[in-house]
């Protein structure tokens, strides 16, 4: 009985850690994709400004 409760608590702890790590990785991937989009927009804007500068 005692070993069973230890096993269950360890299992629950592992599941919680797995969910927590998954949530962290999701947050990091969201931040990463947002950063990539921002840098892409910035580079596109930079190219547009430069092309307008050279055209004028």
Protein backbone atom coordinates (compact mmCIF):
# COMPACT_ATOMS: atom_id res chain seq x y z
CA UNK A 1 0.00 0.00 0.00
CA UNK A 2 2.74 2.41 0.99
CA UNK A 3 4.79 1.61 -2.13
CA UNK A 4 1.68 2.13 -4.27
CA UNK A 5 1.10 5.64 -2.93
CA UNK A 6 4.78 6.51 -3.48
CA UNK A 7 4.55 5.24 -7.06
CA UNK A 8 1.37 7.24 -7.69
CA UNK A 9 2.82 10.43 -6.25
CA UNK A 10 5.98 10.02 -8.35
CA UNK A 11 3.85 9.41 -11.44
CA UNK A 12 1.76 12.54 -10.79
CA UNK A 13 4.95 14.54 -10.18
CA UNK A 14 6.42 13.33 -13.49
CA UNK A 15 3.22 14.23 -15.35
CA UNK A 16 3.21 17.70 -13.77
CA UNK A 17 6.88 18.25 -14.68
CA UNK A 18 6.16 17.08 -18.25
CA UNK A 19 3.21 19.49 -18.58
CA UNK A 20 5.28 22.30 -17.04
CA UNK A 21 8.19 21.70 -19.42
CA UNK A 22 5.76 21.51 -22.36
CA UNK A 23 4.23 24.83 -21.34
CA UNK A 24 7.66 26.43 -21.06
CA UNK A 25 8.67 25.15 -24.49
CA UNK A 26 5.38 26.47 -25.94
CA UNK A 27 6.04 29.89 -24.42
CA UNK A 28 9.58 29.89 -25.79
CA UNK A 29 8.41 28.87 -29.26
CA UNK A 30 5.80 31.66 -29.17
CA UNK A 31 8.46 34.21 -28.18
CA UNK A 32 10.79 32.81 -30.84
CA UNK A 33 8.19 33.00 -33.63
CA UNK A 34 7.19 36.52 -32.55
CA UNK A 35 10.87 37.54 -32.61
CA UNK A 36 11.33 36.02 -36.08
CA UNK A 37 8.24 37.83 -37.40
CA UNK A 38 9.41 41.11 -35.88
CA UNK A 39 12.90 40.78 -37.36
CA UNK A 40 11.43 39.85 -40.77
CA UNK A 41 9.14 42.88 -40.70
CA UNK A 42 12.05 45.06 -39.64
CA UNK A 43 14.28 43.77 -42.46
CA UNK A 44 11.47 44.23 -45.02
CA UNK A 45 10.87 47.78 -43.79
CA UNK A 46 14.62 48.45 -43.90
CA UNK A 47 14.80 47.19 -47.49
CA UNK A 48 11.79 49.31 -48.49
CA UNK A 49 13.30 52.43 -46.92
CA UNK A 50 16.61 51.78 -48.66
CA UNK A 51 14.99 51.14 -52.05
CA UNK A 52 12.91 54.32 -51.71
CA UNK A 53 16.04 56.22 -50.76
CA UNK A 54 17.92 54.92 -53.79
CA UNK A 55 14.97 55.46 -56.14
CA UNK A 56 14.56 59.06 -55.08
